[in-house]
Amino acid sequence: MAESTKEVEKKETVKPIRLVDNETGESYVLEFNLDTVKWAEQRGFDPEMVTKFPMTVGADFFYYAFRMHHRNIARDKTDKILFEMLGGINETTGKIFARLLELYYECYTSFSDEEIKENPRIAVEM
């Protein structure tokens, strides 16, 4: 029996990043949703610039990724995590940024899909 079109089109979601401070046990979940993407964009964030200017734009991006689950975390704390605890911009943070970009861009596709699913009164033909 063939799978339905909806089952075939289902995308796997990108897992959020969890950071755990081994000394204090504090954990942080880095992820984006529509609100956090809008918030970042309102501050002039352009995800294409992360790889060009990782020391400035990358640090901003890292800070924005905390917003969804840790709204009140201060920028100096996220900078400390990035530059002191993770060792700055390096191979590990490069992998983190790559995953954050996947999470960021996933908001665009999931928002579009959700809008279509939640509003059965409109058909979209392309």
PDB file of N, CA and C in Angstrom:
ATOM      1  N   MET A   1       0.847  -1.186   0.000  1.00  0.00           N
ATOM      2  CA  MET A   1       0.000   0.000   0.000  1.00  0.00           C
ATOM      3  C   MET A   1       0.887   1.242   0.000  1.00  0.00           C
ATOM      4  N   ALA A   2       0.640   2.160  -0.869  1.00  0.00           N
ATOM      5  CA  ALA A   2       1.454   3.371  -0.993  1.00  0.00           C
ATOM      6  C   ALA A   2       1.152   4.352   0.132  1.00  0.00           C
ATOM      7  N   GLU A   3       2.200   5.081   0.514  1.00  0.00           N
ATOM      8  CA  GLU A   3       2.023   6.103   1.546  1.00  0.00           C
ATOM      9  C   GLU A   3       1.226   7.268   0.977  1.00  0.00           C
ATOM     10  N   SER A   4       0.474   7.938   1.848  1.00  0.00           N
ATOM     11  CA  SER A   4      -0.263   9.107   1.386  1.00  0.00           C
ATOM     12  C   SER A   4       0.710  10.244   1.112  1.00  0.00           C
ATOM     13  N   THR A   5       0.274  11.196   0.325  1.00  0.00           N
ATOM     14  CA  THR A   5       1.119  12.345  -0.026  1.00  0.00           C
ATOM     15  C   THR A   5       1.550  13.095   1.219  1.00  0.00           C
ATOM     16  N   LYS A   6       0.644  13.258   2.177  1.00  0.00           N
ATOM     17  CA  LYS A   6       0.987  13.997   3.395  1.00  0.00           C
ATOM     18  C   LYS A   6       2.087  13.289   4.168  1.00  0.00           C
ATOM     19  N   GLU A   7       2.048  11.958   4.220  1.00  0.00           N
ATOM     20  CA  GLU A   7       3.080  11.213   4.939  1.00  0.00           C
ATOM     21  C   GLU A   7       4.427  11.338   4.240  1.00  0.00           C
ATOM     22  N   VAL A   8       4.436  11.330   2.928  1.00  0.00           N
ATOM     23  CA  VAL A   8       5.674  11.451   2.177  1.00  0.00           C
ATOM     24  C   VAL A   8       6.272  12.838   2.358  1.00  0.00           C
ATOM     25  N   GLU A   9       5.428  13.865   2.396  1.00  0.00           N
ATOM     26  CA  GLU A   9       5.904  15.238   2.496  1.00  0.00           C
ATOM     27  C   GLU A   9       6.337  15.632   3.896  1.00  0.00           C
ATOM     28  N   LYS A  10       5.997  14.834   4.908  1.00  0.00           N
ATOM     29  CA  LYS A  10       6.357  15.165   6.276  1.00  0.00           C
ATOM     30  C   LYS A  10       7.870  15.288   6.405  1.00  0.00           C
ATOM     31  N   LYS A  11       8.321  16.370   6.975  1.00  0.00           N
ATOM     32  CA  LYS A  11       9.744  16.610   7.149  1.00  0.00           C
ATOM     33  C   LYS A  11      10.112  16.311   8.596  1.00  0.00           C
ATOM     34  N   GLU A  12      11.335  15.837   8.765  1.00  0.00           N
ATOM     35  CA  GLU A  12      11.814  15.666  10.123  1.00  0.00           C
ATOM     36  C   GLU A  12      12.237  17.027  10.646  1.00  0.00           C
ATOM     37  N   THR A  13      11.886  17.300  11.885  1.00  0.00           N
ATOM     38  CA  THR A  13      12.265  18.580  12.453  1.00  0.00           C
ATOM     39  C   THR A  13      13.692  18.513  12.986  1.00  0.00           C
ATOM     40  N   VAL A  14      14.330  19.644  12.991  1.00  0.00           N
ATOM     41  CA  VAL A  14      15.690  19.753  13.503  1.00  0.00           C
ATOM     42  C   VAL A  14      15.599  19.840  15.019  1.00  0.00           C
ATOM     43  N   LYS A  15      16.392  19.039  15.696  1.00  0.00           N
ATOM     44  CA  LYS A  15      16.371  19.052  17.162  1.00  0.00           C
ATOM     45  C   LYS A  15      17.048  20.314  17.684  1.00  0.00           C
ATOM     46  N   PRO A  16      16.476  20.898  18.734  1.00  0.00           N
ATOM     47  CA  PRO A  16      17.119  22.078  19.333  1.00  0.00           C
ATOM     48  C   PRO A  16      18.452  21.697  19.971  1.00  0.00           C
ATOM     49  N   ILE A  17      19.244  22.697  20.264  1.00  0.00           N
ATOM     50  CA  ILE A  17      20.530  22.490  20.928  1.00  0.00           C
ATOM     51  C   ILE A  17      20.318  22.664  22.424  1.00  0.00           C
ATOM     52  N   ARG A  18      20.888  21.768  23.199  1.00  0.00           N
ATOM     53  CA  ARG A  18      20.843  21.888  24.658  1.00  0.00           C
ATOM     54  C   ARG A  18      22.284  22.035  25.151  1.00  0.00           C
ATOM     55  N   LEU A  19      22.521  23.106  25.885  1.00  0.00           N
ATOM     56  CA  LEU A  19      23.818  23.337  26.509  1.00  0.00           C
ATOM     57  C   LEU A  19      23.657  23.101  28.000  1.00  0.00           C
ATOM     58  N   VAL A  20      24.588  22.360  28.595  1.00  0.00           N
ATOM     59  CA  VAL A  20      24.524  22.086  30.039  1.00  0.00           C
ATOM     60  C   VAL A  20      25.841  22.512  30.670  1.00  0.00           C
ATOM     61  N   ASP A  21      25.744  23.379  31.667  1.00  0.00           N
ATOM     62  CA  ASP A  21      26.921  23.813  32.416  1.00  0.00           C
ATOM     63  C   ASP A  21      27.260  22.692  33.400  1.00  0.00           C
ATOM     64  N   ASN A  22      28.401  22.044  33.187  1.00  0.00           N
ATOM     65  CA  ASN A  22      28.775  20.904  34.026  1.00  0.00           C
ATOM     66  C   ASN A  22      29.069  21.277  35.472  1.00  0.00           C
ATOM     67  N   GLU A  23      29.383  22.540  35.727  1.00  0.00           N
ATOM     68  CA  GLU A  23      29.668  22.966  37.097  1.00  0.00           C
ATOM     69  C   GLU A  23      28.404  23.292  37.868  1.00  0.00           C
ATOM     70  N   THR A  24      27.453  23.968  37.232  1.00  0.00           N
ATOM     71  CA  THR A  24      26.249  24.411  37.952  1.00  0.00           C
ATOM     72  C   THR A  24      25.022  23.546  37.667  1.00  0.00           C
ATOM     73  N   GLY A  25      25.074  22.775  36.578  1.00  0.00           N
ATOM     74  CA  GLY A  25      23.924  21.971  36.190  1.00  0.00           C
ATOM     75  C   GLY A  25      22.872  22.754  35.406  1.00  0.00           C
ATOM     76  N   GLU A  26      23.087  24.064  35.233  1.00  0.00           N
ATOM     77  CA  GLU A  26      22.141  24.868  34.447  1.00  0.00           C
ATOM     78  C   GLU A  26      22.118  24.357  33.022  1.00  0.00           C
ATOM     79  N   SER A  27      20.919  24.331  32.438  1.00  0.00           N
ATOM     80  CA  SER A  27      20.840  23.941  31.036  1.00  0.00           C
ATOM     81  C   SER A  27      20.093  25.005  30.252  1.00  0.00           C
ATOM     82  N   TYR A  28      20.455  25.105  28.992  1.00  0.00           N
ATOM     83  CA  TYR A  28      19.881  26.098  28.099  1.00  0.00           C
ATOM     84  C   TYR A  28      19.469  25.394  26.810  1.00  0.00           C
ATOM     85  N   VAL A  29      18.292  25.721  26.329  1.00  0.00           N
ATOM     86  CA  VAL A  29      17.808  25.168  25.068  1.00  0.00           C
ATOM     87  C   VAL A  29      17.827  26.295  24.038  1.00  0.00           C
ATOM     88  N   LEU A  30      18.549  26.065  22.952  1.00  0.00           N
ATOM     89  CA  LEU A  30      18.658  27.051  21.885  1.00  0.00           C
ATOM     90  C   LEU A  30      17.788  26.602  20.725  1.00  0.00           C
ATOM     91  N   GLU A  31      16.872  27.482  20.333  1.00  0.00           N
ATOM     92  CA  GLU A  31      15.898  27.137  19.315  1.00  0.00           C
ATOM     93  C   GLU A  31      15.234  28.419  18.825  1.00  0.00           C
ATOM     94  N   PHE A  32      14.554  28.348  17.710  1.00  0.00           N
ATOM     95  CA  PHE A  32      13.832  29.496  17.170  1.00  0.00           C
ATOM     96  C   PHE A  32      12.382  29.138  16.903  1.00  0.00           C
ATOM     97  N   ASN A  33      11.529  30.136  17.024  1.00  0.00           N
ATOM     98  CA  ASN A  33      10.147  30.031  16.568  1.00  0.00           C
ATOM     99  C   ASN A  33       9.851  31.312  15.800  1.00  0.00           C
ATOM    100  N   LEU A  34       8.642  31.447  15.334  1.00  0.00           N
ATOM    101  CA  LEU A  34       8.291  32.612  14.530  1.00  0.00           C
ATOM    102  C   LEU A  34       8.576  33.919  15.273  1.00  0.00           C
ATOM    103  N   ASP A  35       8.228  33.976  16.542  1.00  0.00           N
ATOM    104  CA  ASP A  35       8.445  35.204  17.314  1.00  0.00           C
ATOM    105  C   ASP A  35       9.923  35.550  17.454  1.00  0.00           C
ATOM    106  N   THR A  36      10.758  34.550  17.705  1.00  0.00           N
ATOM    107  CA  THR A  36      12.181  34.851  17.878  1.00  0.00           C
ATOM    108  C   THR A  36      12.839  35.236  16.551  1.00  0.00           C
ATOM    109  N   VAL A  37      12.376  34.651  15.454  1.00  0.00           N
ATOM    110  CA  VAL A  37      12.907  35.039  14.144  1.00  0.00           C
ATOM    111  C   VAL A  37      12.524  36.484  13.849  1.00  0.00           C
ATOM    112  N   LYS A  38      11.271  36.833  14.105  1.00  0.00           N
ATOM    113  CA  LYS A  38      10.836  38.225  13.898  1.00  0.00           C
ATOM    114  C   LYS A  38      11.653  39.174  14.771  1.00  0.00           C
ATOM    115  N   TRP A  39      11.860  38.799  16.008  1.00  0.00           N
ATOM    116  CA  TRP A  39      12.607  39.620  16.964  1.00  0.00           C
ATOM    117  C   TRP A  39      14.025  39.865  16.459  1.00  0.00           C
ATOM    118  N   ALA A  40      14.654  38.811  15.956  1.00  0.00           N
ATOM    119  CA  ALA A  40      16.013  38.953  15.421  1.00  0.00           C
ATOM    120  C   ALA A  40      16.017  39.844  14.181  1.00  0.00           C
ATOM    121  N   GLU A  41      15.047  39.640  13.306  1.00  0.00           N
ATOM    122  CA  GLU A  41      14.991  40.437  12.088  1.00  0.00           C
ATOM    123  C   GLU A  41      14.714  41.910  12.380  1.00  0.00           C
ATOM    124  N   GLN A  42      13.918  42.183  13.403  1.00  0.00           N
ATOM    125  CA  GLN A  42      13.645  43.566  13.784  1.00  0.00           C
ATOM    126  C   GLN A  42      14.912  44.277  14.250  1.00  0.00           C
ATOM    127  N   ARG A  43      15.899  43.508  14.667  1.00  0.00           N
ATOM    128  CA  ARG A  43      17.170  44.064  15.095  1.00  0.00           C
ATOM    129  C   ARG A  43      18.201  44.072  13.965  1.00  0.00           C
ATOM    130  N   GLY A  44      17.722  43.815  12.745  1.00  0.00           N
ATOM    131  CA  GLY A  44      18.590  43.874  11.583  1.00  0.00           C
ATOM    132  C   GLY A  44      19.367  42.603  11.303  1.00  0.00           C
ATOM    133  N   PHE A  45      18.995  41.512  11.948  1.00  0.00           N
ATOM    134  CA  PHE A  45      19.736  40.269  11.749  1.00  0.00           C
ATOM    135  C   PHE A  45      19.529  39.706  10.349  1.00  0.00           C
ATOM    136  N   ASP A  46      20.634  39.304   9.730  1.00  0.00           N
ATOM    137  CA  ASP A  46      20.632  38.654   8.423  1.00  0.00           C
ATOM    138  C   ASP A  46      21.422  37.356   8.576  1.00  0.00           C
ATOM    139  N   PRO A  47      20.757  36.199   8.514  1.00  0.00           N
ATOM    140  CA  PRO A  47      21.451  34.929   8.739  1.00  0.00           C
ATOM    141  C   PRO A  47      22.580  34.656   7.749  1.00  0.00           C
ATOM    142  N   GLU A  48      22.508  35.261   6.571  1.00  0.00           N
ATOM    143  CA  GLU A  48      23.564  35.066   5.575  1.00  0.00           C
ATOM    144  C   GLU A  48      24.902  35.649   6.048  1.00  0.00           C
ATOM    145  N   MET A  49      24.867  36.543   7.005  1.00  0.00           N
ATOM    146  CA  MET A  49      26.081  37.209   7.478  1.00  0.00           C
ATOM    147  C   MET A  49      26.816  36.423   8.573  1.00  0.00           C
ATOM    148  N   VAL A  50      26.192  35.366   9.088  1.00  0.00           N
ATOM    149  CA  VAL A  50      26.797  34.601  10.194  1.00  0.00           C
ATOM    150  C   VAL A  50      28.170  34.062   9.805  1.00  0.00           C
ATOM    151  N   THR A  51      28.297  33.519   8.617  1.00  0.00           N
ATOM    152  CA  THR A  51      29.594  32.959   8.216  1.00  0.00           C
ATOM    153  C   THR A  51      30.593  34.041   7.797  1.00  0.00           C
ATOM    154  N   LYS A  52      30.103  35.191   7.343  1.00  0.00           N
ATOM    155  CA  LYS A  52      31.013  36.273   6.944  1.00  0.00           C
ATOM    156  C   LYS A  52      31.612  37.004   8.141  1.00  0.00           C
ATOM    157  N   PHE A  53      30.778  37.248   9.155  1.00  0.00           N
ATOM    158  CA  PHE A  53      31.216  38.006  10.327  1.00  0.00           C
ATOM    159  C   PHE A  53      30.874  37.254  11.616  1.00  0.00           C
ATOM    160  N   PRO A  54      31.503  36.094  11.840  1.00  0.00           N
ATOM    161  CA  PRO A  54      31.117  35.270  12.983  1.00  0.00           C
ATOM    162  C   PRO A  54      31.373  35.909  14.351  1.00  0.00           C
ATOM    163  N   MET A  55      32.362  36.774  14.458  1.00  0.00           N
ATOM    164  CA  MET A  55      32.645  37.376  15.764  1.00  0.00           C
ATOM    165  C   MET A  55      31.566  38.363  16.189  1.00  0.00           C
ATOM    166  N   THR A  56      30.954  39.042  15.255  1.00  0.00           N
ATOM    167  CA  THR A  56      29.909  40.006  15.613  1.00  0.00           C
ATOM    168  C   THR A  56      28.526  39.440  15.350  1.00  0.00           C
ATOM    169  N   VAL A  57      28.273  39.050  14.122  1.00  0.00           N
ATOM    170  CA  VAL A  57      26.946  38.536  13.780  1.00  0.00           C
ATOM    171  C   VAL A  57      26.718  37.173  14.431  1.00  0.00           C
ATOM    172  N   GLY A  58      27.764  36.371  14.501  1.00  0.00           N
ATOM    173  CA  GLY A  58      27.639  35.058  15.145  1.00  0.00           C
ATOM    174  C   GLY A  58      27.265  35.196  16.615  1.00  0.00           C
ATOM    175  N   ALA A  59      27.882  36.147  17.295  1.00  0.00           N
ATOM    176  CA  ALA A  59      27.561  36.374  18.705  1.00  0.00           C
ATOM    177  C   ALA A  59      26.122  36.867  18.875  1.00  0.00           C
ATOM    178  N   ASP A  60      25.678  37.728  17.952  1.00  0.00           N
ATOM    179  CA  ASP A  60      24.285  38.180  17.977  1.00  0.00           C
ATOM    180  C   ASP A  60      23.345  36.996  17.786  1.00  0.00           C
ATOM    181  N   PHE A  61      23.638  36.169  16.795  1.00  0.00           N
ATOM    182  CA  PHE A  61      22.822  35.004  16.465  1.00  0.00           C
ATOM    183  C   PHE A  61      22.713  34.054  17.657  1.00  0.00           C
ATOM    184  N   PHE A  62      23.845  33.824  18.310  1.00  0.00           N
ATOM    185  CA  PHE A  62      23.874  32.959  19.491  1.00  0.00           C
ATOM    186  C   PHE A  62      22.942  33.529  20.565  1.00  0.00           C
ATOM    187  N   TYR A  63      23.010  34.820  20.789  1.00  0.00           N
ATOM    188  CA  TYR A  63      22.135  35.488  21.764  1.00  0.00           C
ATOM    189  C   TYR A  63      20.668  35.331  21.375  1.00  0.00           C
ATOM    190  N   TYR A  64      20.339  35.528  20.110  1.00  0.00           N
ATOM    191  CA  TYR A  64      18.949  35.414  19.660  1.00  0.00           C
ATOM    192  C   TYR A  64      18.400  34.007  19.869  1.00  0.00           C
ATOM    193  N   ALA A  65      19.270  33.008  19.763  1.00  0.00           N
ATOM    194  CA  ALA A  65      18.830  31.611  19.906  1.00  0.00           C
ATOM    195  C   ALA A  65      18.345  31.285  21.322  1.00  0.00           C
ATOM    196  N   PHE A  66      18.735  32.083  22.290  1.00  0.00           N
ATOM    197  CA  PHE A  66      18.290  31.869  23.676  1.00  0.00           C
ATOM    198  C   PHE A  66      16.877  32.403  23.901  1.00  0.00           C
ATOM    199  N   ARG A  67      16.451  33.315  23.072  1.00  0.00           N
ATOM    200  CA  ARG A  67      15.209  34.078  23.293  1.00  0.00           C
ATOM    201  C   ARG A  67      13.963  33.206  23.467  1.00  0.00           C
ATOM    202  N   MET A  68      13.832  32.141  22.715  1.00  0.00           N
ATOM    203  CA  MET A  68      12.613  31.324  22.748  1.00  0.00           C
ATOM    204  C   MET A  68      12.375  30.711  24.133  1.00  0.00           C
ATOM    205  N   HIS A  69      13.416  30.179  24.743  1.00  0.00           N
ATOM    206  CA  HIS A  69      13.256  29.480  26.019  1.00  0.00           C
ATOM    207  C   HIS A  69      13.830  30.237  27.220  1.00  0.00           C
ATOM    208  N   HIS A  70      14.645  31.234  26.968  1.00  0.00           N
ATOM    209  CA  HIS A  70      15.319  31.962  28.049  1.00  0.00           C
ATOM    210  C   HIS A  70      15.231  33.459  27.764  1.00  0.00           C
ATOM    211  N   ARG A  71      14.019  33.942  27.695  1.00  0.00           N
ATOM    212  CA  ARG A  71      13.725  35.312  27.275  1.00  0.00           C
ATOM    213  C   ARG A  71      14.509  36.370  28.055  1.00  0.00           C
ATOM    214  N   ASN A  72      14.748  36.153  29.313  1.00  0.00           N
ATOM    215  CA  ASN A  72      15.363  37.185  30.145  1.00  0.00           C
ATOM    216  C   ASN A  72      16.868  37.023  30.346  1.00  0.00           C
ATOM    217  N   ILE A  73      17.484  36.160  29.583  1.00  0.00           N
ATOM    218  CA  ILE A  73      18.931  35.998  29.742  1.00  0.00           C
ATOM    219  C   ILE A  73      19.629  37.237  29.162  1.00  0.00           C
ATOM    220  N   ALA A  74      20.625  37.711  29.882  1.00  0.00           N
ATOM    221  CA  ALA A  74      21.347  38.917  29.474  1.00  0.00           C
ATOM    222  C   ALA A  74      22.382  38.596  28.399  1.00  0.00           C
ATOM    223  N   ARG A  75      22.632  39.571  27.547  1.00  0.00           N
ATOM    224  CA  ARG A  75      23.598  39.405  26.465  1.00  0.00           C
ATOM    225  C   ARG A  75      24.983  39.078  27.005  1.00  0.00           C
ATOM    226  N   ASP A  76      25.379  39.712  28.110  1.00  0.00           N
ATOM    227  CA  ASP A  76      26.712  39.420  28.648  1.00  0.00           C
ATOM    228  C   ASP A  76      26.834  37.958  29.090  1.00  0.00           C
ATOM    229  N   LYS A  77      25.736  37.362  29.523  1.00  0.00           N
ATOM    230  CA  LYS A  77      25.755  35.943  29.915  1.00  0.00           C
ATOM    231  C   LYS A  77      25.914  35.050  28.677  1.00  0.00           C
ATOM    232  N   THR A  78      25.193  35.359  27.585  1.00  0.00           N
ATOM    233  CA  THR A  78      25.349  34.531  26.381  1.00  0.00           C
ATOM    234  C   THR A  78      26.742  34.715  25.781  1.00  0.00           C
ATOM    235  N   ASP A  79      27.296  35.920  25.886  1.00  0.00           N
ATOM    236  CA  ASP A  79      28.666  36.144  25.408  1.00  0.00           C
ATOM    237  C   ASP A  79      29.657  35.337  26.249  1.00  0.00           C
ATOM    238  N   LYS A  80      29.430  35.276  27.547  1.00  0.00           N
ATOM    239  CA  LYS A  80      30.301  34.495  28.425  1.00  0.00           C
ATOM    240  C   LYS A  80      30.232  33.014  28.047  1.00  0.00           C
ATOM    241  N   ILE A  81      29.031  32.527  27.806  1.00  0.00           N
ATOM    242  CA  ILE A  81      28.883  31.121  27.408  1.00  0.00           C
ATOM    243  C   ILE A  81      29.620  30.877  26.095  1.00  0.00           C
ATOM    244  N   LEU A  82      29.429  31.763  25.130  1.00  0.00           N
ATOM    245  CA  LEU A  82      30.043  31.591  23.817  1.00  0.00           C
ATOM    246  C   LEU A  82      31.560  31.729  23.862  1.00  0.00           C
ATOM    247  N   PHE A  83      32.052  32.822  24.439  1.00  0.00           N
ATOM    248  CA  PHE A  83      33.475  33.118  24.345  1.00  0.00           C
ATOM    249  C   PHE A  83      34.333  32.502  25.441  1.00  0.00           C
ATOM    250  N   GLU A  84      33.764  32.305  26.630  1.00  0.00           N
ATOM    251  CA  GLU A  84      34.558  31.715  27.714  1.00  0.00           C
ATOM    252  C   GLU A  84      34.306  30.219  27.861  1.00  0.00           C
ATOM    253  N   MET A  85      33.052  29.847  27.961  1.00  0.00           N
ATOM    254  CA  MET A  85      32.746  28.443  28.233  1.00  0.00           C
ATOM    255  C   MET A  85      32.907  27.549  26.996  1.00  0.00           C
ATOM    256  N   LEU A  86      32.519  28.056  25.822  1.00  0.00           N
ATOM    257  CA  LEU A  86      32.662  27.272  24.592  1.00  0.00           C
ATOM    258  C   LEU A  86      33.970  27.560  23.864  1.00  0.00           C
ATOM    259  N   GLY A  87      34.736  28.523  24.350  1.00  0.00           N
ATOM    260  CA  GLY A  87      36.048  28.796  23.776  1.00  0.00           C
ATOM    261  C   GLY A  87      36.064  29.707  22.574  1.00  0.00           C
ATOM    262  N   GLY A  88      34.989  30.466  22.363  1.00  0.00           N
ATOM    263  CA  GLY A  88      34.968  31.415  21.250  1.00  0.00           C
ATOM    264  C   GLY A  88      34.543  30.777  19.945  1.00  0.00           C
ATOM    265  N   ILE A  89      34.838  31.473  18.865  1.00  0.00           N
ATOM    266  CA  ILE A  89      34.466  30.998  17.533  1.00  0.00           C
ATOM    267  C   ILE A  89      35.500  29.953  17.116  1.00  0.00           C
ATOM    268  N   ASN A  90      35.055  28.710  17.039  1.00  0.00           N
ATOM    269  CA  ASN A  90      35.954  27.605  16.708  1.00  0.00           C
ATOM    270  C   ASN A  90      35.158  26.515  15.991  1.00  0.00           C
ATOM    271  N   GLU A  91      35.741  25.329  15.855  1.00  0.00           N
ATOM    272  CA  GLU A  91      35.062  24.250  15.144  1.00  0.00           C
ATOM    273  C   GLU A  91      33.742  23.853  15.827  1.00  0.00           C
ATOM    274  N   THR A  92      33.753  23.789  17.152  1.00  0.00           N
ATOM    275  CA  THR A  92      32.536  23.423  17.888  1.00  0.00           C
ATOM    276  C   THR A  92      31.446  24.468  17.690  1.00  0.00           C
ATOM    277  N   THR A  93      31.784  25.732  17.855  1.00  0.00           N
ATOM    278  CA  THR A  93      30.757  26.763  17.678  1.00  0.00           C
ATOM    279  C   THR A  93      30.337  26.864  16.216  1.00  0.00           C
ATOM    280  N   GLY A  94      31.234  26.516  15.300  1.00  0.00           N
ATOM    281  CA  GLY A  94      30.852  26.463  13.889  1.00  0.00           C
ATOM    282  C   GLY A  94      29.741  25.448  13.669  1.00  0.00           C
ATOM    283  N   LYS A  95      29.832  24.308  14.338  1.00  0.00           N
ATOM    284  CA  LYS A  95      28.783  23.276  14.247  1.00  0.00           C
ATOM    285  C   LYS A  95      27.498  23.763  14.912  1.00  0.00           C
ATOM    286  N   ILE A  96      27.647  24.485  16.012  1.00  0.00           N
ATOM    287  CA  ILE A  96      26.473  25.044  16.696  1.00  0.00           C
ATOM    288  C   ILE A  96      25.786  26.055  15.784  1.00  0.00           C
ATOM    289  N   PHE A  97      26.561  26.935  15.169  1.00  0.00           N
ATOM    290  CA  PHE A  97      25.975  27.925  14.264  1.00  0.00           C
ATOM    291  C   PHE A  97      25.266  27.246  13.092  1.00  0.00           C
ATOM    292  N   ALA A  98      25.864  26.182  12.562  1.00  0.00           N
ATOM    293  CA  ALA A  98      25.242  25.460  11.448  1.00  0.00           C
ATOM    294  C   ALA A  98      23.881  24.903  11.861  1.00  0.00           C
ATOM    295  N   ARG A  99      23.810  24.323  13.063  1.00  0.00           N
ATOM    296  CA  ARG A  99      22.531  23.792  13.545  1.00  0.00           C
ATOM    297  C   ARG A  99      21.549  24.920  13.810  1.00  0.00           C
ATOM    298  N   LEU A 100      22.034  26.027  14.380  1.00  0.00           N
ATOM    299  CA  LEU A 100      21.151  27.167  14.633  1.00  0.00           C
ATOM    300  C   LEU A 100      20.579  27.712  13.326  1.00  0.00           C
ATOM    301  N   LEU A 101      21.374  27.724  12.277  1.00  0.00           N
ATOM    302  CA  LEU A 101      20.867  28.177  10.977  1.00  0.00           C
ATOM    303  C   LEU A 101      19.760  27.251  10.476  1.00  0.00           C
ATOM    304  N   GLU A 102      19.936  25.937  10.683  1.00  0.00           N
ATOM    305  CA  GLU A 102      18.882  24.992  10.304  1.00  0.00           C
ATOM    306  C   GLU A 102      17.611  25.278  11.088  1.00  0.00           C
ATOM    307  N   LEU A 103      17.755  25.506  12.382  1.00  0.00           N
ATOM    308  CA  LEU A 103      16.600  25.803  13.226  1.00  0.00           C
ATOM    309  C   LEU A 103      15.934  27.112  12.810  1.00  0.00           C
ATOM    310  N   TYR A 104      16.745  28.091  12.483  1.00  0.00           N
ATOM    311  CA  TYR A 104      16.242  29.398  12.070  1.00  0.00           C
ATOM    312  C   TYR A 104      15.428  29.272  10.780  1.00  0.00           C
ATOM    313  N   TYR A 105      16.009  28.633   9.776  1.00  0.00           N
ATOM    314  CA  TYR A 105      15.329  28.498   8.490  1.00  0.00           C
ATOM    315  C   TYR A 105      14.124  27.561   8.557  1.00  0.00           C
ATOM    316  N   GLU A 106      14.142  26.636   9.480  1.00  0.00           N
ATOM    317  CA  GLU A 106      13.004  25.726   9.649  1.00  0.00           C
ATOM    318  C   GLU A 106      11.733  26.505   9.998  1.00  0.00           C
ATOM    319  N   CYS A 107      11.884  27.624  10.660  1.00  0.00           N
ATOM    320  CA  CYS A 107      10.716  28.445  11.008  1.00  0.00           C
ATOM    321  C   CYS A 107       9.972  28.913   9.771  1.00  0.00           C
ATOM    322  N   TYR A 108      10.687  29.196   8.710  1.00  0.00           N
ATOM    323  CA  TYR A 108      10.033  29.650   7.485  1.00  0.00           C
ATOM    324  C   TYR A 108       9.151  28.555   6.893  1.00  0.00           C
ATOM    325  N   THR A 109       9.655  27.342   6.823  1.00  0.00           N
ATOM    326  CA  THR A 109       8.875  26.255   6.232  1.00  0.00           C
ATOM    327  C   THR A 109       7.776  25.788   7.164  1.00  0.00           C
ATOM    328  N   SER A 110       8.053  25.708   8.451  1.00  0.00           N
ATOM    329  CA  SER A 110       7.018  25.233   9.368  1.00  0.00           C
ATOM    330  C   SER A 110       5.896  26.255   9.490  1.00  0.00           C
ATOM    331  N   PHE A 111       6.227  27.544   9.421  1.00  0.00           N
ATOM    332  CA  PHE A 111       5.182  28.564   9.471  1.00  0.00           C
ATOM    333  C   PHE A 111       4.267  28.435   8.262  1.00  0.00           C
ATOM    334  N   SER A 112       4.829  28.269   7.089  1.00  0.00           N
ATOM    335  CA  SER A 112       4.023  28.129   5.876  1.00  0.00           C
ATOM    336  C   SER A 112       3.142  26.894   5.956  1.00  0.00           C
ATOM    337  N   ASP A 113       3.698  25.777   6.370  1.00  0.00           N
ATOM    338  CA  ASP A 113       2.934  24.541   6.479  1.00  0.00           C
ATOM    339  C   ASP A 113       1.815  24.672   7.503  1.00  0.00           C
ATOM    340  N   GLU A 114       2.118  25.283   8.656  1.00  0.00           N
ATOM    341  CA  GLU A 114       1.108  25.441   9.704  1.00  0.00           C
ATOM    342  C   GLU A 114      -0.040  26.317   9.231  1.00  0.00           C
ATOM    343  N   GLU A 115       0.281  27.386   8.518  1.00  0.00           N
ATOM    344  CA  GLU A 115      -0.768  28.283   8.035  1.00  0.00           C
ATOM    345  C   GLU A 115      -1.745  27.536   7.132  1.00  0.00           C
ATOM    346  N   ILE A 116      -1.226  26.701   6.262  1.00  0.00           N
ATOM    347  CA  ILE A 116      -2.082  25.964   5.336  1.00  0.00           C
ATOM    348  C   ILE A 116      -2.919  24.946   6.102  1.00  0.00           C
ATOM    349  N   LYS A 117      -2.318  24.237   7.061  1.00  0.00           N
ATOM    350  CA  LYS A 117      -3.038  23.226   7.829  1.00  0.00           C
ATOM    351  C   LYS A 117      -4.116  23.844   8.706  1.00  0.00           C
ATOM    352  N   GLU A 118      -3.810  24.988   9.310  1.00  0.00           N
ATOM    353  CA  GLU A 118      -4.735  25.588  10.261  1.00  0.00           C
ATOM    354  C   GLU A 118      -5.895  26.311   9.590  1.00  0.00           C
ATOM    355  N   ASN A 119      -5.820  26.565   8.312  1.00  0.00           N
ATOM    356  CA  ASN A 119      -6.883  27.300   7.649  1.00  0.00           C
ATOM    357  C   ASN A 119      -7.416  26.478   6.473  1.00  0.00           C
ATOM    358  N   PRO A 120      -8.312  25.525   6.745  1.00  0.00           N
ATOM    359  CA  PRO A 120      -8.810  24.658   5.679  1.00  0.00           C
ATOM    360  C   PRO A 120      -9.734  25.373   4.694  1.00  0.00           C
ATOM    361  N   ARG A 121     -10.096  26.622   4.952  1.00  0.00           N
ATOM    362  CA  ARG A 121     -11.000  27.367   4.081  1.00  0.00           C
ATOM    363  C   ARG A 121     -10.312  27.928   2.852  1.00  0.00           C
ATOM    364  N   ILE A 122      -8.992  27.817   2.779  1.00  0.00           N
ATOM    365  CA  ILE A 122      -8.303  28.393   1.626  1.00  0.00           C
ATOM    366  C   ILE A 122      -7.439  27.320   0.966  1.00  0.00           C
ATOM    367  N   ALA A 123      -7.495  27.288  -0.316  1.00  0.00           N
ATOM    368  CA  ALA A 123      -6.672  26.350  -1.075  1.00  0.00           C
ATOM    369  C   ALA A 123      -5.520  27.131  -1.707  1.00  0.00           C
ATOM    370  N   VAL A 124      -4.358  26.531  -1.694  1.00  0.00           N
ATOM    371  CA  VAL A 124      -3.190  27.163  -2.288  1.00  0.00           C
ATOM    372  C   VAL A 124      -2.774  26.321  -3.482  1.00  0.00           C
ATOM    373  N   GLU A 125      -2.779  26.938  -4.643  1.00  0.00           N
ATOM    374  CA  GLU A 125      -2.343  26.260  -5.862  1.00  0.00           C
ATOM    375  C   GLU A 125      -1.154  27.000  -6.431  1.00  0.00           C
ATOM    376  N   MET A 126      -0.150  26.259  -6.832  1.00  0.00           N
ATOM    377  CA  MET A 126       1.054  26.880  -7.377  1.00  0.00           C
ATOM    378  C   MET A 126       1.444  26.199  -8.659  1.00  0.00           C
TER     379      MET A 126
END
